[in-house]
Amino acid sequence: MAPFGFTWLTFTAFIVTGLTVVAAILWAIFTRNTRNTRNTRNTRNTR
């Protein structure tokens, strides 16, 4: 019963959110590897 525009907007928002999350993770890994090459053990065990 949902209109096509709503599903298309939800699909686009989901893709944009996923790309933003992936870009943020890649940016964090890239900056972490280039900035702290010494603290790889400490930054890896953050969880």
C-alpha atoms as a PDB file:
ATOM      1  CA  MET A   1       0.000   0.000   0.000  1.00  0.00           C
ATOM      2  CA  ALA A   2       3.024   2.276   0.270  1.00  0.00           C
ATOM      3  CA  PRO A   3       3.427   4.650  -2.677  1.00  0.00           C
ATOM      4  CA  PHE A   4       6.287   4.095  -5.099  1.00  0.00           C
ATOM      5  CA  GLY A   5       7.907   7.419  -4.176  1.00  0.00           C
ATOM      6  CA  PHE A   6       8.183   6.396  -0.533  1.00  0.00           C
ATOM      7  CA  THR A   7       9.861   3.088  -1.332  1.00  0.00           C
ATOM      8  CA  TRP A   8      12.216   4.790  -3.809  1.00  0.00           C
ATOM      9  CA  LEU A   9      13.129   7.446  -1.221  1.00  0.00           C
ATOM     10  CA  THR A  10      13.704   4.760   1.400  1.00  0.00           C
ATOM     11  CA  PHE A  11      15.871   2.775  -1.016  1.00  0.00           C
ATOM     12  CA  THR A  12      17.911   5.864  -1.920  1.00  0.00           C
ATOM     13  CA  ALA A  13      18.280   6.868   1.730  1.00  0.00           C
ATOM     14  CA  PHE A  14      19.438   3.343   2.597  1.00  0.00           C
ATOM     15  CA  ILE A  15      22.067   3.412  -0.172  1.00  0.00           C
ATOM     16  CA  VAL A  16      23.274   6.878   0.844  1.00  0.00           C
ATOM     17  CA  THR A  17      23.483   5.824   4.493  1.00  0.00           C
ATOM     18  CA  GLY A  18      25.378   2.658   3.598  1.00  0.00           C
ATOM     19  CA  LEU A  19      27.834   4.565   1.410  1.00  0.00           C
ATOM     20  CA  THR A  20      28.332   7.137   4.168  1.00  0.00           C
ATOM     21  CA  VAL A  21      29.036   4.414   6.731  1.00  0.00           C
ATOM     22  CA  VAL A  22      31.479   2.654   4.400  1.00  0.00           C
ATOM     23  CA  ALA A  23      33.202   5.941   3.569  1.00  0.00           C
ATOM     24  CA  ALA A  24      33.461   6.835   7.263  1.00  0.00           C
ATOM     25  CA  ILE A  25      34.952   3.427   8.110  1.00  0.00           C
ATOM     26  CA  LEU A  26      37.432   3.614   5.234  1.00  0.00           C
ATOM     27  CA  TRP A  27      38.349   7.200   6.185  1.00  0.00           C
ATOM     28  CA  ALA A  28      38.894   6.162   9.825  1.00  0.00           C
ATOM     29  CA  ILE A  29      41.075   3.211   8.777  1.00  0.00           C
ATOM     30  CA  PHE A  30      43.026   5.345   6.305  1.00  0.00           C
ATOM     31  CA  THR A  31      43.675   8.176   8.753  1.00  0.00           C
ATOM     32  CA  ARG A  32      44.460   5.717  11.538  1.00  0.00           C
ATOM     33  CA  ASN A  33      47.002   3.826   9.423  1.00  0.00           C
ATOM     34  CA  THR A  34      48.691   6.953   8.092  1.00  0.00           C
ATOM     35  CA  ARG A  35      48.675   8.862  11.369  1.00  0.00           C
ATOM     36  CA  ASN A  36      49.445   6.148  13.936  1.00  0.00           C
ATOM     37  CA  THR A  37      51.690   3.550  12.404  1.00  0.00           C
ATOM     38  CA  ARG A  38      53.194   2.898  15.835  1.00  0.00           C
ATOM     39  CA  ASN A  39      49.952   2.313  17.752  1.00  0.00           C
ATOM     40  CA  THR A  40      48.454  -0.371  15.526  1.00  0.00           C
ATOM     41  CA  ARG A  41      48.044  -2.702  18.495  1.00  0.00           C
ATOM     42  CA  ASN A  42      46.314  -0.092  20.653  1.00  0.00           C
ATOM     43  CA  THR A  43      43.955   1.198  17.950  1.00  0.00           C
ATOM     44  CA  ARG A  44      43.001  -2.319  16.883  1.00  0.00           C
ATOM     45  CA  ASN A  45      41.722  -3.290  20.345  1.00  0.00           C
ATOM     46  CA  THR A  46      39.308  -0.386  20.758  1.00  0.00           C
ATOM     47  CA  ARG A  47      36.217  -2.634  20.893  1.00  0.00           C
END
